[in-house]
Amino acid sequence: MSEEYYYPSESYDSLVASAGTIIKDWNIGDWQGDYVYLLKNGNKFGFTVVGYGSCSYCDALEGCENDEQVEELKEEIVKGIFWGTAEEVEAYAINDHANRWYYHEHEWKTIKRELKAELRKG
């Protein structure tokens, strides 16, 4: 007898996009790492970083066993989005005193530059 494996129909992009339009996204890592998102909803901008793994044991979405768990994960991700004006999101996302883990990743320099440019477009 074989067990049925649940395959989520959602992706991290679709979970994040449920809260607003993804303006720009970046990837830190390869088979595991973080997705960085800049969103817009009305006149507000959103910023979030979502970690992902390489298997169902280390990736929250792959580890979901049913639609209810995917919905719970979506709610958790949406709650983690920082919303504000372009200036507020820039101050939050690019706060050198916050010492966030992704600041030390080599991709962050590019992300920081592109994030500033997108936010300054308005």
PDB file of N, CA and C in Angstrom:
ATOM      1  N   MET A   1       0.837  -1.161   0.000  1.00  0.00           N
ATOM      2  CA  MET A   1       0.000   0.000   0.000  1.00  0.00           C
ATOM      3  C   MET A   1       0.897   1.246   0.000  1.00  0.00           C
ATOM      4  N   SER A   2       0.634   2.169  -0.905  1.00  0.00           N
ATOM      5  CA  SER A   2       1.440   3.380  -0.983  1.00  0.00           C
ATOM      6  C   SER A   2       0.671   4.562  -0.395  1.00  0.00           C
ATOM      7  N   GLU A   3       1.425   5.472   0.185  1.00  0.00           N
ATOM      8  CA  GLU A   3       0.820   6.671   0.752  1.00  0.00           C
ATOM      9  C   GLU A   3       0.660   7.716  -0.342  1.00  0.00           C
ATOM     10  N   GLU A   4      -0.424   8.476  -0.252  1.00  0.00           N
ATOM     11  CA  GLU A   4      -0.617   9.580  -1.180  1.00  0.00           C
ATOM     12  C   GLU A   4       0.162  10.775  -0.677  1.00  0.00           C
ATOM     13  N   TYR A   5       0.844  11.434  -1.590  1.00  0.00           N
ATOM     14  CA  TYR A   5       1.605  12.621  -1.235  1.00  0.00           C
ATOM     15  C   TYR A   5       0.824  13.851  -1.671  1.00  0.00           C
ATOM     16  N   TYR A   6       0.706  14.828  -0.802  1.00  0.00           N
ATOM     17  CA  TYR A   6      -0.008  16.066  -1.106  1.00  0.00           C
ATOM     18  C   TYR A   6       0.939  17.030  -1.817  1.00  0.00           C
ATOM     19  N   TYR A   7       0.524  17.533  -2.953  1.00  0.00           N
ATOM     20  CA  TYR A   7       1.288  18.529  -3.701  1.00  0.00           C
ATOM     21  C   TYR A   7       0.526  19.853  -3.665  1.00  0.00           C
ATOM     22  N   PRO A   8       1.044  20.863  -2.972  1.00  0.00           N
ATOM     23  CA  PRO A   8       0.342  22.145  -2.922  1.00  0.00           C
ATOM     24  C   PRO A   8       0.206  22.752  -4.316  1.00  0.00           C
ATOM     25  N   SER A   9      -0.956  23.297  -4.607  1.00  0.00           N
ATOM     26  CA  SER A   9      -1.160  23.955  -5.899  1.00  0.00           C
ATOM     27  C   SER A   9      -0.651  25.393  -5.863  1.00  0.00           C
ATOM     28  N   GLU A  10      -0.292  25.866  -4.697  1.00  0.00           N
ATOM     29  CA  GLU A  10       0.205  27.230  -4.518  1.00  0.00           C
ATOM     30  C   GLU A  10       1.730  27.257  -4.596  1.00  0.00           C
ATOM     31  N   SER A  11       2.263  28.440  -4.828  1.00  0.00           N
ATOM     32  CA  SER A  11       3.699  28.694  -4.759  1.00  0.00           C
ATOM     33  C   SER A  11       3.906  29.827  -3.757  1.00  0.00           C
ATOM     34  N   TYR A  12       5.152  30.068  -3.368  1.00  0.00           N
ATOM     35  CA  TYR A  12       5.385  31.206  -2.478  1.00  0.00           C
ATOM     36  C   TYR A  12       4.954  32.504  -3.152  1.00  0.00           C
ATOM     37  N   ASP A  13       5.196  32.617  -4.457  1.00  0.00           N
ATOM     38  CA  ASP A  13       4.762  33.821  -5.179  1.00  0.00           C
ATOM     39  C   ASP A  13       3.255  34.026  -5.054  1.00  0.00           C
ATOM     40  N   SER A  14       2.485  32.973  -5.244  1.00  0.00           N
ATOM     41  CA  SER A  14       1.026  33.129  -5.184  1.00  0.00           C
ATOM     42  C   SER A  14       0.548  33.419  -3.764  1.00  0.00           C
ATOM     43  N   LEU A  15       1.213  32.855  -2.764  1.00  0.00           N
ATOM     44  CA  LEU A  15       0.836  33.147  -1.376  1.00  0.00           C
ATOM     45  C   LEU A  15       1.093  34.617  -1.056  1.00  0.00           C
ATOM     46  N   VAL A  16       2.252  35.122  -1.448  1.00  0.00           N
ATOM     47  CA  VAL A  16       2.587  36.524  -1.201  1.00  0.00           C
ATOM     48  C   VAL A  16       1.674  37.438  -2.014  1.00  0.00           C
ATOM     49  N   ALA A  17       1.428  37.086  -3.276  1.00  0.00           N
ATOM     50  CA  ALA A  17       0.608  37.918  -4.170  1.00  0.00           C
ATOM     51  C   ALA A  17      -0.844  38.001  -3.720  1.00  0.00           C
ATOM     52  N   SER A  18      -1.268  37.139  -2.811  1.00  0.00           N
ATOM     53  CA  SER A  18      -2.637  37.234  -2.299  1.00  0.00           C
ATOM     54  C   SER A  18      -2.840  38.525  -1.506  1.00  0.00           C
ATOM     55  N   ALA A  19      -1.735  39.176  -1.101  1.00  0.00           N
ATOM     56  CA  ALA A  19      -1.817  40.407  -0.315  1.00  0.00           C
ATOM     57  C   ALA A  19      -1.631  41.665  -1.158  1.00  0.00           C
ATOM     58  N   GLY A  20      -1.140  41.524  -2.362  1.00  0.00           N
ATOM     59  CA  GLY A  20      -0.887  42.688  -3.214  1.00  0.00           C
ATOM     60  C   GLY A  20      -0.134  42.276  -4.459  1.00  0.00           C
ATOM     61  N   THR A  21       0.130  43.236  -5.309  1.00  0.00           N
ATOM     62  CA  THR A  21       0.858  42.977  -6.550  1.00  0.00           C
ATOM     63  C   THR A  21       2.352  42.932  -6.272  1.00  0.00           C
ATOM     64  N   ILE A  22       3.004  41.879  -6.729  1.00  0.00           N
ATOM     65  CA  ILE A  22       4.456  41.785  -6.582  1.00  0.00           C
ATOM     66  C   ILE A  22       5.083  42.695  -7.635  1.00  0.00           C
ATOM     67  N   ILE A  23       5.773  43.729  -7.170  1.00  0.00           N
ATOM     68  CA  ILE A  23       6.451  44.665  -8.070  1.00  0.00           C
ATOM     69  C   ILE A  23       7.793  44.094  -8.501  1.00  0.00           C
ATOM     70  N   LYS A  24       8.488  43.507  -7.549  1.00  0.00           N
ATOM     71  CA  LYS A  24       9.825  42.973  -7.805  1.00  0.00           C
ATOM     72  C   LYS A  24      10.080  41.872  -6.794  1.00  0.00           C
ATOM     73  N   ASP A  25      10.797  40.854  -7.232  1.00  0.00           N
ATOM     74  CA  ASP A  25      11.193  39.800  -6.296  1.00  0.00           C
ATOM     75  C   ASP A  25      12.620  39.381  -6.590  1.00  0.00           C
ATOM     76  N   TRP A  26      13.268  38.894  -5.556  1.00  0.00           N
ATOM     77  CA  TRP A  26      14.657  38.475  -5.646  1.00  0.00           C
ATOM     78  C   TRP A  26      14.807  37.137  -4.936  1.00  0.00           C
ATOM     79  N   ASN A  27      15.913  36.465  -5.217  1.00  0.00           N
ATOM     80  CA  ASN A  27      16.202  35.182  -4.586  1.00  0.00           C
ATOM     81  C   ASN A  27      17.590  35.244  -3.961  1.00  0.00           C
ATOM     82  N   ILE A  28      17.664  34.872  -2.700  1.00  0.00           N
ATOM     83  CA  ILE A  28      18.944  34.735  -2.013  1.00  0.00           C
ATOM     84  C   ILE A  28      19.121  33.246  -1.763  1.00  0.00           C
ATOM     85  N   GLY A  29      20.085  32.635  -2.406  1.00  0.00           N
ATOM     86  CA  GLY A  29      20.330  31.212  -2.215  1.00  0.00           C
ATOM     87  C   GLY A  29      20.107  30.422  -3.477  1.00  0.00           C
ATOM     88  N   ASP A  30      20.187  29.120  -3.328  1.00  0.00           N
ATOM     89  CA  ASP A  30      20.003  28.191  -4.440  1.00  0.00           C
ATOM     90  C   ASP A  30      18.902  27.201  -4.081  1.00  0.00           C
ATOM     91  N   TRP A  31      19.282  26.024  -3.643  1.00  0.00           N
ATOM     92  CA  TRP A  31      18.297  24.998  -3.308  1.00  0.00           C
ATOM     93  C   TRP A  31      17.642  25.250  -1.958  1.00  0.00           C
ATOM     94  N   GLN A  32      18.174  26.198  -1.204  1.00  0.00           N
ATOM     95  CA  GLN A  32      17.514  26.695  -0.002  1.00  0.00           C
ATOM     96  C   GLN A  32      17.944  28.138   0.173  1.00  0.00           C
ATOM     97  N   GLY A  33      17.089  28.937   0.764  1.00  0.00           N
ATOM     98  CA  GLY A  33      17.423  30.345   0.929  1.00  0.00           C
ATOM     99  C   GLY A  33      16.208  31.179   1.254  1.00  0.00           C
ATOM    100  N   ASP A  34      16.155  32.359   0.656  1.00  0.00           N
ATOM    101  CA  ASP A  34      15.079  33.302   0.944  1.00  0.00           C
ATOM    102  C   ASP A  34      14.595  33.965  -0.335  1.00  0.00           C
ATOM    103  N   TYR A  35      13.284  34.176  -0.403  1.00  0.00           N
ATOM    104  CA  TYR A  35      12.684  35.001  -1.441  1.00  0.00           C
ATOM    105  C   TYR A  35      12.424  36.363  -0.814  1.00  0.00           C
ATOM    106  N   VAL A  36      12.806  37.411  -1.519  1.00  0.00           N
ATOM    107  CA  VAL A  36      12.609  38.780  -1.056  1.00  0.00           C
ATOM    108  C   VAL A  36      11.574  39.414  -1.979  1.00  0.00           C
ATOM    109  N   TYR A  37      10.550  40.020  -1.404  1.00  0.00           N
ATOM    110  CA  TYR A  37       9.449  40.573  -2.194  1.00  0.00           C
ATOM    111  C   TYR A  37       9.211  42.041  -1.879  1.00  0.00           C
ATOM    112  N   LEU A  38       8.941  42.806  -2.943  1.00  0.00           N
ATOM    113  CA  LEU A  38       8.431  44.164  -2.832  1.00  0.00           C
ATOM    114  C   LEU A  38       7.052  44.151  -3.471  1.00  0.00           C
ATOM    115  N   LEU A  39       6.053  44.597  -2.718  1.00  0.00           N
ATOM    116  CA  LEU A  39       4.663  44.564  -3.189  1.00  0.00           C
ATOM    117  C   LEU A  39       4.052  45.955  -3.196  1.00  0.00           C
ATOM    118  N   LYS A  40       2.908  46.043  -3.833  1.00  0.00           N
ATOM    119  CA  LYS A  40       2.112  47.269  -3.785  1.00  0.00           C
ATOM    120  C   LYS A  40       0.652  46.864  -3.667  1.00  0.00           C
ATOM    121  N   ASN A  41      -0.059  47.587  -2.808  1.00  0.00           N
ATOM    122  CA  ASN A  41      -1.496  47.393  -2.641  1.00  0.00           C
ATOM    123  C   ASN A  41      -2.092  48.776  -2.423  1.00  0.00           C
ATOM    124  N   GLY A  42      -2.766  49.282  -3.447  1.00  0.00           N
ATOM    125  CA  GLY A  42      -3.264  50.653  -3.368  1.00  0.00           C
ATOM    126  C   GLY A  42      -2.093  51.611  -3.355  1.00  0.00           C
ATOM    127  N   ASN A  43      -2.057  52.484  -2.350  1.00  0.00           N
ATOM    128  CA  ASN A  43      -0.947  53.434  -2.257  1.00  0.00           C
ATOM    129  C   ASN A  43       0.117  52.985  -1.255  1.00  0.00           C
ATOM    130  N   LYS A  44       0.015  51.769  -0.761  1.00  0.00           N
ATOM    131  CA  LYS A  44       0.973  51.228   0.205  1.00  0.00           C
ATOM    132  C   LYS A  44       1.934  50.253  -0.475  1.00  0.00           C
ATOM    133  N   PHE A  45       3.164  50.255   0.025  1.00  0.00           N
ATOM    134  CA  PHE A  45       4.165  49.297  -0.412  1.00  0.00           C
ATOM    135  C   PHE A  45       4.338  48.250   0.680  1.00  0.00           C
ATOM    136  N   GLY A  46       4.725  47.053   0.288  1.00  0.00           N
ATOM    137  CA  GLY A  46       4.972  45.984   1.239  1.00  0.00           C
ATOM    138  C   GLY A  46       6.332  45.365   0.994  1.00  0.00           C
ATOM    139  N   PHE A  47       6.941  44.861   2.061  1.00  0.00           N
ATOM    140  CA  PHE A  47       8.248  44.207   1.977  1.00  0.00           C
ATOM    141  C   PHE A  47       8.219  42.984   2.866  1.00  0.00           C
ATOM    142  N   THR A  48       8.718  41.873   2.337  1.00  0.00           N
ATOM    143  CA  THR A  48       8.834  40.673   3.158  1.00  0.00           C
ATOM    144  C   THR A  48       9.929  39.769   2.621  1.00  0.00           C
ATOM    145  N   VAL A  49      10.424  38.926   3.496  1.00  0.00           N
ATOM    146  CA  VAL A  49      11.417  37.914   3.147  1.00  0.00           C
ATOM    147  C   VAL A  49      10.858  36.581   3.618  1.00  0.00           C
ATOM    148  N   VAL A  50      10.796  35.607   2.703  1.00  0.00           N
ATOM    149  CA  VAL A  50      10.226  34.293   3.003  1.00  0.00           C
ATOM    150  C   VAL A  50      11.295  33.234   2.762  1.00  0.00           C
ATOM    151  N   GLY A  51      11.600  32.465   3.782  1.00  0.00           N
ATOM    152  CA  GLY A  51      12.591  31.407   3.649  1.00  0.00           C
ATOM    153  C   GLY A  51      12.011  30.173   2.981  1.00  0.00           C
ATOM    154  N   TYR A  52      12.865  29.448   2.259  1.00  0.00           N
ATOM    155  CA  TYR A  52      12.444  28.193   1.634  1.00  0.00           C
ATOM    156  C   TYR A  52      13.547  27.154   1.817  1.00  0.00           C
ATOM    157  N   GLY A  53      13.163  25.900   1.730  1.00  0.00           N
ATOM    158  CA  GLY A  53      14.113  24.811   1.887  1.00  0.00           C
ATOM    159  C   GLY A  53      14.118  23.894   0.688  1.00  0.00           C
ATOM    160  N   SER A  54      14.859  22.822   0.808  1.00  0.00           N
ATOM    161  CA  SER A  54      15.039  21.909  -0.321  1.00  0.00           C
ATOM    162  C   SER A  54      14.164  20.665  -0.242  1.00  0.00           C
ATOM    163  N   CYS A  55      13.441  20.495   0.853  1.00  0.00           N
ATOM    164  CA  CYS A  55      12.616  19.291   0.989  1.00  0.00           C
ATOM    165  C   CYS A  55      11.450  19.579   1.933  1.00  0.00           C
ATOM    166  N   SER A  56      10.558  18.629   2.053  1.00  0.00           N
ATOM    167  CA  SER A  56       9.369  18.832   2.886  1.00  0.00           C
ATOM    168  C   SER A  56       9.705  18.953   4.371  1.00  0.00           C
ATOM    169  N   TYR A  57      10.893  18.549   4.768  1.00  0.00           N
ATOM    170  CA  TYR A  57      11.277  18.671   6.176  1.00  0.00           C
ATOM    171  C   TYR A  57      11.801  20.065   6.508  1.00  0.00           C
ATOM    172  N   CYS A  58      12.298  20.775   5.495  1.00  0.00           N
ATOM    173  CA  CYS A  58      12.875  22.097   5.774  1.00  0.00           C
ATOM    174  C   CYS A  58      12.215  23.217   4.973  1.00  0.00           C
ATOM    175  N   ASP A  59      11.119  22.927   4.292  1.00  0.00           N
ATOM    176  CA  ASP A  59      10.386  23.937   3.540  1.00  0.00           C
ATOM    177  C   ASP A  59       8.939  23.917   4.002  1.00  0.00           C
ATOM    178  N   ALA A  60       8.459  25.062   4.475  1.00  0.00           N
ATOM    179  CA  ALA A  60       7.109  25.122   5.046  1.00  0.00           C
ATOM    180  C   ALA A  60       6.028  24.770   4.032  1.00  0.00           C
ATOM    181  N   LEU A  61       6.153  25.250   2.799  1.00  0.00           N
ATOM    182  CA  LEU A  61       5.122  24.974   1.799  1.00  0.00           C
ATOM    183  C   LEU A  61       5.139  23.510   1.369  1.00  0.00           C
ATOM    184  N   GLU A  62       6.322  22.979   1.103  1.00  0.00           N
ATOM    185  CA  GLU A  62       6.416  21.560   0.731  1.00  0.00           C
ATOM    186  C   GLU A  62       5.978  20.652   1.868  1.00  0.00           C
ATOM    187  N   GLY A  63       6.092  21.140   3.092  1.00  0.00           N
ATOM    188  CA  GLY A  63       5.703  20.351   4.253  1.00  0.00           C
ATOM    189  C   GLY A  63       4.206  20.339   4.528  1.00  0.00           C
ATOM    190  N   CYS A  64       3.451  21.187   3.823  1.00  0.00           N
ATOM    191  CA  CYS A  64       1.996  21.213   4.020  1.00  0.00           C
ATOM    192  C   CYS A  64       1.384  19.901   3.545  1.00  0.00           C
ATOM    193  N   GLU A  65       0.466  19.383   4.327  1.00  0.00           N
ATOM    194  CA  GLU A  65      -0.156  18.094   4.014  1.00  0.00           C
ATOM    195  C   GLU A  65      -1.577  18.220   3.492  1.00  0.00           C
ATOM    196  N   ASN A  66      -2.119  19.458   3.461  1.00  0.00           N
ATOM    197  CA  ASN A  66      -3.476  19.663   2.951  1.00  0.00           C
ATOM    198  C   ASN A  66      -3.699  21.153   2.687  1.00  0.00           C
ATOM    199  N   ASP A  67      -4.840  21.462   2.065  1.00  0.00           N
ATOM    200  CA  ASP A  67      -5.159  22.852   1.720  1.00  0.00           C
ATOM    201  C   ASP A  67      -5.282  23.740   2.952  1.00  0.00           C
ATOM    202  N   GLU A  68      -5.760  23.193   4.041  1.00  0.00           N
ATOM    203  CA  GLU A  68      -5.912  23.967   5.276  1.00  0.00           C
ATOM    204  C   GLU A  68      -4.550  24.450   5.778  1.00  0.00           C
ATOM    205  N   GLN A  69      -3.552  23.595   5.720  1.00  0.00           N
ATOM    206  CA  GLN A  69      -2.212  23.990   6.151  1.00  0.00           C
ATOM    207  C   GLN A  69      -1.618  25.042   5.219  1.00  0.00           C
ATOM    208  N   VAL A  70      -1.917  24.944   3.924  1.00  0.00           N
ATOM    209  CA  VAL A  70      -1.455  25.962   2.975  1.00  0.00           C
ATOM    210  C   VAL A  70      -2.099  27.304   3.312  1.00  0.00           C
ATOM    211  N   GLU A  71      -3.384  27.292   3.627  1.00  0.00           N
ATOM    212  CA  GLU A  71      -4.092  28.524   3.995  1.00  0.00           C
ATOM    213  C   GLU A  71      -3.497  29.130   5.266  1.00  0.00           C
ATOM    214  N   GLU A  72      -3.166  28.295   6.247  1.00  0.00           N
ATOM    215  CA  GLU A  72      -2.542  28.779   7.481  1.00  0.00           C
ATOM    216  C   GLU A  72      -1.178  29.403   7.192  1.00  0.00           C
ATOM    217  N   LEU A  73      -0.421  28.766   6.304  1.00  0.00           N
ATOM    218  CA  LEU A  73       0.884  29.301   5.925  1.00  0.00           C
ATOM    219  C   LEU A  73       0.722  30.645   5.222  1.00  0.00           C
ATOM    220  N   LYS A  74      -0.268  30.732   4.337  1.00  0.00           N
ATOM    221  CA  LYS A  74      -0.527  31.996   3.637  1.00  0.00           C
ATOM    222  C   LYS A  74      -0.839  33.103   4.641  1.00  0.00           C
ATOM    223  N   GLU A  75      -1.682  32.818   5.615  1.00  0.00           N
ATOM    224  CA  GLU A  75      -2.027  33.814   6.632  1.00  0.00           C
ATOM    225  C   GLU A  75      -0.786  34.263   7.401  1.00  0.00           C
ATOM    226  N   GLU A  76       0.077  33.318   7.723  1.00  0.00           N
ATOM    227  CA  GLU A  76       1.309  33.630   8.447  1.00  0.00           C
ATOM    228  C   GLU A  76       2.228  34.514   7.596  1.00  0.00           C
ATOM    229  N   ILE A  77       2.362  34.177   6.317  1.00  0.00           N
ATOM    230  CA  ILE A  77       3.206  34.964   5.412  1.00  0.00           C
ATOM    231  C   ILE A  77       2.651  36.372   5.254  1.00  0.00           C
ATOM    232  N   VAL A  78       1.347  36.485   5.046  1.00  0.00           N
ATOM    233  CA  VAL A  78       0.719  37.797   4.857  1.00  0.00           C
ATOM    234  C   VAL A  78       0.881  38.658   6.114  1.00  0.00           C
ATOM    235  N   LYS A  79       0.761  38.059   7.286  1.00  0.00           N
ATOM    236  CA  LYS A  79       0.946  38.809   8.541  1.00  0.00           C
ATOM    237  C   LYS A  79       2.371  39.338   8.671  1.00  0.00           C
ATOM    238  N   GLY A  80       3.318  38.662   8.037  1.00  0.00           N
ATOM    239  CA  GLY A  80       4.722  39.054   8.131  1.00  0.00           C
ATOM    240  C   GLY A  80       5.147  40.153   7.174  1.00  0.00           C
ATOM    241  N   ILE A  81       4.230  40.622   6.335  1.00  0.00           N
ATOM    242  CA  ILE A  81       4.568  41.679   5.379  1.00  0.00           C
ATOM    243  C   ILE A  81       4.562  43.028   6.097  1.00  0.00           C
ATOM    244  N   PHE A  82       5.620  43.802   5.915  1.00  0.00           N
ATOM    245  CA  PHE A  82       5.677  45.159   6.453  1.00  0.00           C
ATOM    246  C   PHE A  82       5.071  46.084   5.409  1.00  0.00           C
ATOM    247  N   TRP A  83       4.060  46.851   5.794  1.00  0.00           N
ATOM    248  CA  TRP A  83       3.370  47.780   4.887  1.00  0.00           C
ATOM    249  C   TRP A  83       3.638  49.213   5.306  1.00  0.00           C
ATOM    250  N   GLY A  84       3.767  50.096   4.313  1.00  0.00           N
ATOM    251  CA  GLY A  84       3.938  51.514   4.596  1.00  0.00           C
ATOM    252  C   GLY A  84       4.112  52.308   3.316  1.00  0.00           C
ATOM    253  N   THR A  85       4.468  53.571   3.488  1.00  0.00           N
ATOM    254  CA  THR A  85       4.782  54.409   2.335  1.00  0.00           C
ATOM    255  C   THR A  85       6.111  53.933   1.755  1.00  0.00           C
ATOM    256  N   ALA A  86       6.468  54.446   0.597  1.00  0.00           N
ATOM    257  CA  ALA A  86       7.756  54.085  -0.007  1.00  0.00           C
ATOM    258  C   ALA A  86       8.898  54.407   0.954  1.00  0.00           C
ATOM    259  N   GLU A  87       8.826  55.560   1.593  1.00  0.00           N
ATOM    260  CA  GLU A  87       9.875  55.978   2.529  1.00  0.00           C
ATOM    261  C   GLU A  87       9.929  55.061   3.754  1.00  0.00           C
ATOM    262  N   GLU A  88       8.774  54.692   4.278  1.00  0.00           N
ATOM    263  CA  GLU A  88       8.728  53.806   5.452  1.00  0.00           C
ATOM    264  C   GLU A  88       9.262  52.418   5.123  1.00  0.00           C
ATOM    265  N   VAL A  89       8.903  51.906   3.961  1.00  0.00           N
ATOM    266  CA  VAL A  89       9.385  50.575   3.571  1.00  0.00           C
ATOM    267  C   VAL A  89      10.891  50.608   3.331  1.00  0.00           C
ATOM    268  N   GLU A  90      11.376  51.665   2.699  1.00  0.00           N
ATOM    269  CA  GLU A  90      12.825  51.778   2.494  1.00  0.00           C
ATOM    270  C   GLU A  90      13.552  51.825   3.835  1.00  0.00           C
ATOM    271  N   ALA A  91      13.045  52.625   4.769  1.00  0.00           N
ATOM    272  CA  ALA A  91      13.668  52.729   6.095  1.00  0.00           C
ATOM    273  C   ALA A  91      13.647  51.389   6.825  1.00  0.00           C
ATOM    274  N   TYR A  92      12.559  50.643   6.684  1.00  0.00           N
ATOM    275  CA  TYR A  92      12.441  49.337   7.335  1.00  0.00           C
ATOM    276  C   TYR A  92      13.368  48.308   6.685  1.00  0.00           C
ATOM    277  N   ALA A  93      13.314  48.219   5.361  1.00  0.00           N
ATOM    278  CA  ALA A  93      14.049  47.171   4.649  1.00  0.00           C
ATOM    279  C   ALA A  93      15.549  47.423   4.631  1.00  0.00           C
ATOM    280  N   ILE A  94      15.926  48.681   4.592  1.00  0.00           N
ATOM    281  CA  ILE A  94      17.348  49.026   4.473  1.00  0.00           C
ATOM    282  C   ILE A  94      17.767  49.784   5.724  1.00  0.00           C
ATOM    283  N   ASN A  95      17.695  49.131   6.842  1.00  0.00           N
ATOM    284  CA  ASN A  95      18.044  49.703   8.135  1.00  0.00           C
ATOM    285  C   ASN A  95      19.333  49.039   8.590  1.00  0.00           C
ATOM    286  N   ASP A  96      20.442  49.724   8.387  1.00  0.00           N
ATOM    287  CA  ASP A  96      21.746  49.136   8.695  1.00  0.00           C
ATOM    288  C   ASP A  96      21.908  48.771  10.164  1.00  0.00           C
ATOM    289  N   HIS A  97      21.090  49.342  11.035  1.00  0.00           N
ATOM    290  CA  HIS A  97      21.183  49.039  12.465  1.00  0.00           C
ATOM    291  C   HIS A  97      20.389  47.784  12.845  1.00  0.00           C
ATOM    292  N   ALA A  98      19.544  47.305  11.936  1.00  0.00           N
ATOM    293  CA  ALA A  98      18.711  46.136  12.242  1.00  0.00           C
ATOM    294  C   ALA A  98      19.509  44.840  12.208  1.00  0.00           C
ATOM    295  N   ASN A  99      20.584  44.808  11.421  1.00  0.00           N
ATOM    296  CA  ASN A  99      21.459  43.634  11.337  1.00  0.00           C
ATOM    297  C   ASN A  99      20.691  42.358  10.991  1.00  0.00           C
ATOM    298  N   ARG A 100      19.851  42.431   9.979  1.00  0.00           N
ATOM    299  CA  ARG A 100      19.088  41.261   9.551  1.00  0.00           C
ATOM    300  C   ARG A 100      20.004  40.263   8.855  1.00  0.00           C
ATOM    301  N   TRP A 101      19.665  38.988   8.929  1.00  0.00           N
ATOM    302  CA  TRP A 101      20.524  37.930   8.399  1.00  0.00           C
ATOM    303  C   TRP A 101      20.849  38.125   6.929  1.00  0.00           C
ATOM    304  N   TYR A 102      19.916  38.605   6.131  1.00  0.00           N
ATOM    305  CA  TYR A 102      20.145  38.703   4.693  1.00  0.00           C
ATOM    306  C   TYR A 102      21.072  39.863   4.328  1.00  0.00           C
ATOM    307  N   TYR A 103      21.339  40.782   5.242  1.00  0.00           N
ATOM    308  CA  TYR A 103      22.270  41.875   4.955  1.00  0.00           C
ATOM    309  C   TYR A 103      23.672  41.349   4.659  1.00  0.00           C
ATOM    310  N   HIS A 104      23.985  40.169   5.137  1.00  0.00           N
ATOM    311  CA  HIS A 104      25.324  39.614   4.985  1.00  0.00           C
ATOM    312  C   HIS A 104      25.468  38.747   3.738  1.00  0.00           C
ATOM    313  N   GLU A 105      24.380  38.549   3.018  1.00  0.00           N
ATOM    314  CA  GLU A 105      24.419  37.744   1.796  1.00  0.00           C
ATOM    315  C   GLU A 105      24.948  38.586   0.641  1.00  0.00           C
ATOM    316  N   HIS A 106      25.731  37.956  -0.238  1.00  0.00           N
ATOM    317  CA  HIS A 106      26.339  38.727  -1.329  1.00  0.00           C
ATOM    318  C   HIS A 106      25.298  39.314  -2.280  1.00  0.00           C
ATOM    319  N   GLU A 107      24.112  38.711  -2.382  1.00  0.00           N
ATOM    320  CA  GLU A 107      23.056  39.228  -3.255  1.00  0.00           C
ATOM    321  C   GLU A 107      22.433  40.520  -2.720  1.00  0.00           C
ATOM    322  N   TRP A 108      22.621  40.794  -1.424  1.00  0.00           N
ATOM    323  CA  TRP A 108      21.926  41.916  -0.800  1.00  0.00           C
ATOM    324  C   TRP A 108      22.310  43.262  -1.411  1.00  0.00           C
ATOM    325  N   LYS A 109      23.562  43.443  -1.830  1.00  0.00           N
ATOM    326  CA  LYS A 109      23.964  44.723  -2.430  1.00  0.00           C
ATOM    327  C   LYS A 109      23.101  45.041  -3.647  1.00  0.00           C
ATOM    328  N   THR A 110      22.916  44.062  -4.504  1.00  0.00           N
ATOM    329  CA  THR A 110      22.087  44.248  -5.699  1.00  0.00           C
ATOM    330  C   THR A 110      20.635  44.472  -5.309  1.00  0.00           C
ATOM    331  N   ILE A 111      20.137  43.661  -4.389  1.00  0.00           N
ATOM    332  CA  ILE A 111      18.742  43.790  -3.949  1.00  0.00           C
ATOM    333  C   ILE A 111      18.509  45.183  -3.360  1.00  0.00           C
ATOM    334  N   LYS A 112      19.411  45.623  -2.514  1.00  0.00           N
ATOM    335  CA  LYS A 112      19.291  46.934  -1.861  1.00  0.00           C
ATOM    336  C   LYS A 112      19.212  48.050  -2.908  1.00  0.00           C
ATOM    337  N   ARG A 113      20.098  48.008  -3.901  1.00  0.00           N
ATOM    338  CA  ARG A 113      20.115  49.030  -4.952  1.00  0.00           C
ATOM    339  C   ARG A 113      18.819  49.015  -5.749  1.00  0.00           C
ATOM    340  N   GLU A 114      18.379  47.812  -6.163  1.00  0.00           N
ATOM    341  CA  GLU A 114      17.160  47.692  -6.964  1.00  0.00           C
ATOM    342  C   GLU A 114      15.911  48.041  -6.153  1.00  0.00           C
ATOM    343  N   LEU A 115      15.908  47.676  -4.884  1.00  0.00           N
ATOM    344  CA  LEU A 115      14.782  47.993  -4.004  1.00  0.00           C
ATOM    345  C   LEU A 115      14.619  49.508  -3.867  1.00  0.00           C
ATOM    346  N   LYS A 116      15.730  50.198  -3.614  1.00  0.00           N
ATOM    347  CA  LYS A 116      15.685  51.663  -3.521  1.00  0.00           C
ATOM    348  C   LYS A 116      15.145  52.269  -4.811  1.00  0.00           C
ATOM    349  N   ALA A 117      15.632  51.791  -5.950  1.00  0.00           N
ATOM    350  CA  ALA A 117      15.200  52.331  -7.247  1.00  0.00           C
ATOM    351  C   ALA A 117      13.699  52.132  -7.454  1.00  0.00           C
ATOM    352  N   GLU A 118      13.191  50.953  -7.119  1.00  0.00           N
ATOM    353  CA  GLU A 118      11.754  50.675  -7.284  1.00  0.00           C
ATOM    354  C   GLU A 118      10.911  51.566  -6.379  1.00  0.00           C
ATOM    355  N   LEU A 119      11.345  51.726  -5.137  1.00  0.00           N
ATOM    356  CA  LEU A 119      10.581  52.534  -4.184  1.00  0.00           C
ATOM    357  C   LEU A 119      10.606  54.014  -4.552  1.00  0.00           C
ATOM    358  N   ARG A 120      11.670  54.458  -5.147  1.00  0.00           N
ATOM    359  CA  ARG A 120      11.773  55.875  -5.511  1.00  0.00           C
ATOM    360  C   ARG A 120      11.003  56.203  -6.782  1.00  0.00           C
ATOM    361  N   LYS A 121      10.611  55.171  -7.536  1.00  0.00           N
ATOM    362  CA  LYS A 121       9.737  55.379  -8.695  1.00  0.00           C
ATOM    363  C   LYS A 121       8.355  55.825  -8.227  1.00  0.00           C
ATOM    364  N   GLY A 122       8.004  55.328  -7.004  1.00  0.00           N
ATOM    365  CA  GLY A 122       6.699  55.669  -6.420  1.00  0.00           C
ATOM    366  C   GLY A 122       5.680  54.812  -6.960  1.00  0.00           C
TER     367      GLY A 122
END
